Amino acid sequence: MRRLDQLLANLGYCSRREARGWIQAGRVTVRGVTEKDFGAKANPAEVQVDGAPLDHPDGLLLLLHKPVGLVCSHDEREGPNIYSLLPPRWRERNPGITSIGRLDKDTSGLLLLTDQTELVHQLTSPKHKVPKVYRATLASDLPAGLAAIFASGTLLLKDEVKPCASADLKVITPRSAELTLTEGRYHQVRRMFASQGCEVLTLHRAQFGPLSLTDLPVGQWRTLPPETFASR
């Protein structure tokens, strides 16, 4: 049960003050009955605004096909961001929508977004070892023995004291490969290849855990059931 004015504000419909005006104007119903007490508490599933059910009152989980050129930051000083791709109302939710991990500006591919704080912690925690698959193209031929180096669990990146966890490298062509990681360090894929003299030209995340982009167009998103990761 949640207080009506706070519920509408948290779901991004309007400010809390504006919500009180909406409610007193008769725009909100609970179980089909107009409710003009903005302090009344109700089950979000039973609330409607202007005759329509509330927009994802139980939380959002989105799968986004991130394009190159957008950052995963809410700070507009860093440039155009992924949140500009979402409906305006969703961008006003509290807790706010955030990415589960990040992809840098020059990386495309699968990105998960949610307003469920616990899910962010769950899926970014190293102990859960969620596999993530990246496809990279390189500026030069991949050196022999690279797969063994990445799989060894002993690769130490510059300025770090803990080696990278074992990662699976599959060579596709002499200058392209697929890398599966179970951790998410800063620019990890690019830094792993760079440590062996390989410059990454393009980078794309194809999978996150059991999820893939399938036919989702670049810049588009789709909602996922809230229980997608419930069993983890």
Protein backbone atom coordinates (compact mmCIF):
# COMPACT_ATOMS: atom_id res chain seq x y z
CA MET A 1 0.00 0.00 0.00
CA ARG A 2 1.39 3.39 -0.99
CA ARG A 3 0.27 6.95 -0.47
CA LEU A 4 -1.35 8.28 -3.66
CA ASP A 5 0.46 11.60 -4.07
CA GLN A 6 3.82 9.98 -3.42
CA LEU A 7 3.01 7.09 -5.76
CA LEU A 8 2.28 9.35 -8.73
CA ALA A 9 5.37 11.46 -8.07
CA ASN A 10 7.65 8.42 -7.74
CA LEU A 11 6.36 6.98 -11.01
CA GLY A 12 7.24 10.21 -12.83
CA TYR A 13 3.74 11.45 -13.58
CA CYS A 14 4.23 14.85 -11.94
CA SER A 15 5.56 16.49 -8.80
CA ARG A 16 4.03 15.54 -5.47
CA ARG A 17 2.33 18.92 -5.28
CA GLU A 18 0.90 18.51 -8.77
CA ALA A 19 -0.27 15.00 -7.86
CA ARG A 20 -2.39 16.42 -5.05
CA GLY A 21 -4.09 18.70 -7.56
CA TRP A 22 -4.74 15.79 -9.92
CA ILE A 23 -6.25 13.71 -7.14
CA GLN A 24 -8.45 16.51 -5.83
CA ALA A 25 -9.60 17.19 -9.40
CA GLY A 26 -10.95 13.62 -9.62
CA ARG A 27 -8.41 12.28 -12.12
CA VAL A 28 -7.41 9.32 -9.93
CA THR A 29 -9.51 6.26 -9.12
CA VAL A 30 -8.89 3.32 -6.77
CA ARG A 31 -10.73 0.10 -7.63
CA GLY A 32 -12.87 2.14 -10.02
CA VAL A 33 -13.93 4.72 -7.43
CA THR A 34 -12.75 8.34 -7.54
CA GLU A 35 -10.42 9.07 -4.63
CA LYS A 36 -9.93 12.72 -3.70
CA ASP A 37 -7.87 12.18 -0.56
CA PHE A 38 -4.25 12.57 -1.69
CA GLY A 39 -3.07 11.04 1.56
CA ALA A 40 -5.05 7.83 1.03
CA LYS A 41 -3.06 4.63 0.61
CA ALA A 42 -3.74 2.12 -2.12
CA ASN A 43 -2.40 -0.91 -3.94
CA PRO A 44 -0.69 0.48 -7.10
CA ALA A 45 -2.28 -2.27 -9.21
CA GLU A 46 -5.72 -0.89 -8.32
CA VAL A 47 -4.96 2.75 -9.19
CA GLN A 48 -5.80 4.46 -12.47
CA VAL A 49 -5.04 7.96 -13.75
CA ASP A 50 -7.46 9.39 -16.31
CA GLY A 51 -8.89 5.90 -16.74
CA ALA A 52 -5.55 4.21 -17.48
CA PRO A 53 -3.60 1.81 -15.20
CA LEU A 54 -0.35 3.09 -13.73
CA ASP A 55 2.76 2.78 -15.88
CA HIS A 56 4.85 -0.17 -14.61
CA PRO A 57 4.13 0.43 -10.90
CA ASP A 58 6.17 -2.62 -9.85
CA GLY A 59 9.39 -1.37 -11.43
CA LEU A 60 11.09 -1.34 -14.80
CA LEU A 61 13.64 -3.69 -16.32
CA LEU A 62 14.67 -2.82 -19.88
CA LEU A 63 16.93 -4.37 -22.49
CA LEU A 64 18.46 -1.65 -24.67
CA HIS A 65 20.44 -1.95 -27.89
CA LYS A 66 22.93 0.83 -27.15
CA PRO A 67 24.29 2.75 -30.13
CA VAL A 68 27.82 4.05 -30.41
CA GLY A 69 28.08 7.72 -29.40
CA LEU A 70 25.98 7.72 -26.23
CA VAL A 71 27.31 7.64 -22.67
CA CYS A 72 25.80 5.79 -19.71
CA SER A 73 25.94 8.81 -17.43
CA HIS A 74 23.13 11.02 -16.15
CA ASP A 75 25.54 13.97 -16.23
CA GLU A 76 24.64 15.98 -19.34
CA ARG A 77 28.10 17.56 -19.31
CA GLU A 78 29.47 14.22 -20.53
CA GLY A 79 27.43 14.43 -23.74
CA PRO A 80 24.35 12.71 -25.20
CA ASN A 81 23.27 9.79 -23.03
CA ILE A 82 21.28 6.58 -23.26
CA TYR A 83 18.48 7.95 -21.07
CA SER A 84 17.45 10.31 -23.87
CA LEU A 85 16.13 7.20 -25.67
CA LEU A 86 13.50 6.56 -22.97
CA PRO A 87 10.02 8.05 -22.54
CA PRO A 88 10.15 11.35 -20.59
CA ARG A 89 7.98 9.99 -17.76
CA TRP A 90 10.39 7.14 -17.11
CA ARG A 91 13.25 9.61 -16.77
CA GLU A 92 11.42 11.25 -13.85
CA ARG A 93 10.93 8.09 -11.78
CA ASN A 94 12.23 7.82 -8.21
CA PRO A 95 14.28 5.70 -7.68
CA GLY A 96 15.68 6.73 -11.04
CA ILE A 97 16.44 4.40 -13.93
CA THR A 98 20.11 3.49 -14.18
CA SER A 99 22.22 1.08 -16.20
CA ILE A 100 23.33 -2.26 -14.79
CA GLY A 101 27.02 -1.80 -15.44
CA ARG A 102 28.15 0.47 -18.25
CA LEU A 103 29.27 0.45 -21.86
CA ASP A 104 31.62 3.24 -22.90
CA LYS A 105 30.72 5.81 -25.54
CA ASP A 106 32.44 3.86 -28.32
CA THR A 107 30.89 0.48 -27.44
CA SER A 108 27.53 -0.73 -28.73
CA GLY A 109 25.28 -3.59 -27.74
CA LEU A 110 23.19 -5.05 -24.97
CA LEU A 111 22.62 -2.89 -21.93
CA LEU A 112 20.18 -3.47 -19.08
CA LEU A 113 18.40 -0.57 -17.40
CA THR A 114 16.31 -0.65 -14.23
CA ASP A 115 14.92 1.39 -11.36
CA GLN A 116 15.33 -1.58 -9.01
CA THR A 117 18.38 -0.81 -6.87
CA GLU A 118 18.72 -4.33 -5.49
CA LEU A 119 18.88 -5.78 -8.99
CA VAL A 120 21.72 -3.43 -9.92
CA HIS A 121 23.74 -4.63 -6.91
CA GLN A 122 22.86 -8.26 -7.64
CA LEU A 123 23.93 -8.28 -11.27
CA THR A 124 27.08 -6.18 -10.85
CA SER A 125 28.38 -8.10 -7.83
CA PRO A 126 31.52 -10.11 -8.74
CA LYS A 127 30.32 -13.07 -6.65
CA HIS A 128 27.43 -13.76 -9.03
CA LYS A 129 29.76 -14.19 -12.03
CA VAL A 130 27.19 -13.18 -14.66
CA PRO A 131 28.73 -13.99 -18.08
CA LYS A 132 28.89 -11.18 -20.64
CA VAL A 133 29.85 -11.78 -24.27
CA TYR A 134 31.69 -9.14 -26.33
CA ARG A 135 32.59 -9.14 -30.01
CA ALA A 136 35.71 -7.19 -30.93
CA THR A 137 37.46 -6.27 -34.14
CA LEU A 138 41.17 -5.53 -33.91
CA ALA A 139 43.60 -3.32 -35.81
CA SER A 140 46.05 -6.19 -36.33
CA ASP A 141 46.11 -9.99 -36.31
CA LEU A 142 45.55 -11.63 -32.93
CA PRO A 143 48.78 -13.07 -31.52
CA ALA A 144 49.12 -16.82 -31.04
CA GLY A 145 48.41 -18.06 -27.52
CA LEU A 146 46.07 -15.18 -26.62
CA ALA A 147 43.21 -17.50 -25.64
CA ALA A 148 45.46 -19.29 -23.14
CA ILE A 149 46.62 -15.99 -21.62
CA PHE A 150 43.04 -14.74 -21.14
CA ALA A 151 41.94 -18.10 -19.72
CA SER A 152 44.83 -18.36 -17.27
CA GLY A 153 43.38 -16.13 -14.56
CA THR A 154 46.83 -14.55 -14.15
CA LEU A 155 46.59 -11.58 -16.52
CA LEU A 156 47.38 -8.43 -14.55
CA LEU A 157 46.25 -5.13 -16.05
CA LYS A 158 48.19 -1.90 -15.64
CA ASP A 159 47.74 -0.18 -12.25
CA GLU A 160 45.82 -3.14 -10.81
CA VAL A 161 46.89 -5.59 -8.12
CA LYS A 162 44.36 -8.37 -8.73
CA PRO A 163 44.56 -10.49 -11.90
CA CYS A 164 41.60 -10.72 -14.25
CA ALA A 165 39.34 -13.71 -13.77
CA SER A 166 39.59 -16.43 -16.35
CA ALA A 167 37.96 -15.34 -19.63
CA ASP A 168 37.01 -17.35 -22.70
CA LEU A 169 38.32 -16.11 -26.05
CA LYS A 170 37.00 -17.51 -29.34
CA VAL A 171 38.84 -16.38 -32.46
CA ILE A 172 36.44 -15.68 -35.34
CA THR A 173 38.88 -14.33 -37.94
CA PRO A 174 42.53 -13.25 -37.64
CA ARG A 175 41.31 -9.79 -36.59
CA SER A 176 38.03 -10.48 -34.79
CA ALA A 177 37.11 -12.44 -31.69
CA GLU A 178 34.43 -13.11 -29.10
CA LEU A 179 35.36 -12.68 -25.44
CA THR A 180 33.27 -13.89 -22.49
CA LEU A 181 33.87 -12.22 -19.12
CA THR A 182 32.37 -12.80 -15.68
CA GLU A 183 33.50 -9.48 -14.23
CA GLY A 184 33.18 -5.86 -15.29
CA ARG A 185 36.24 -3.73 -14.69
CA TYR A 186 36.77 -0.29 -16.19
CA HIS A 187 37.24 -0.64 -19.99
CA GLN A 188 38.22 -4.23 -19.28
CA VAL A 189 37.94 -5.74 -22.77
CA ARG A 190 39.92 -2.95 -24.42
CA ARG A 191 42.57 -3.05 -21.68
CA MET A 192 42.93 -6.84 -21.86
CA PHE A 193 43.59 -6.72 -25.59
CA ALA A 194 45.83 -3.65 -25.21
CA SER A 195 47.96 -5.50 -22.65
CA GLN A 196 48.93 -7.88 -25.46
CA GLY A 197 49.55 -5.18 -28.04
CA CYS A 198 46.12 -5.36 -29.69
CA GLU A 199 44.10 -2.23 -30.44
CA VAL A 200 40.33 -2.66 -30.41
CA LEU A 201 38.64 -0.90 -33.32
CA THR A 202 35.02 -1.83 -32.59
CA LEU A 203 33.41 -3.43 -29.57
CA HIS A 204 29.90 -4.81 -29.20
CA ARG A 205 28.26 -6.60 -26.26
CA ALA A 206 26.15 -9.42 -27.67
CA GLN A 207 24.94 -11.13 -24.49
CA PHE A 208 24.35 -10.45 -20.80
CA GLY A 209 23.68 -13.64 -18.84
CA PRO A 210 20.90 -15.51 -20.68
CA LEU A 211 19.83 -12.44 -22.66
CA SER A 212 20.69 -11.46 -26.24
CA LEU A 213 19.56 -8.69 -28.56
CA THR A 214 18.03 -11.03 -31.17
CA ASP A 215 16.41 -8.67 -33.73
CA LEU A 216 16.18 -5.55 -31.54
CA PRO A 217 17.18 -2.53 -33.68
CA VAL A 218 19.96 -0.16 -32.62
CA GLY A 219 18.66 2.55 -30.28
CA GLN A 220 15.53 0.58 -29.38
CA TRP A 221 14.56 -1.09 -26.11
CA ARG A 222 12.09 -3.67 -24.86
CA THR A 223 10.75 -4.32 -21.39
CA LEU A 224 11.60 -7.54 -19.57
CA PRO A 225 9.54 -9.33 -16.92
CA PRO A 226 10.59 -8.16 -13.43
CA GLU A 227 11.27 -11.80 -12.49
CA THR A 228 13.83 -12.31 -15.30
CA PHE A 229 16.68 -12.64 -12.80
CA ALA A 230 14.59 -13.70 -9.77
CA SER A 231 16.17 -17.15 -9.50
CA ARG A 232 19.78 -15.96 -9.42
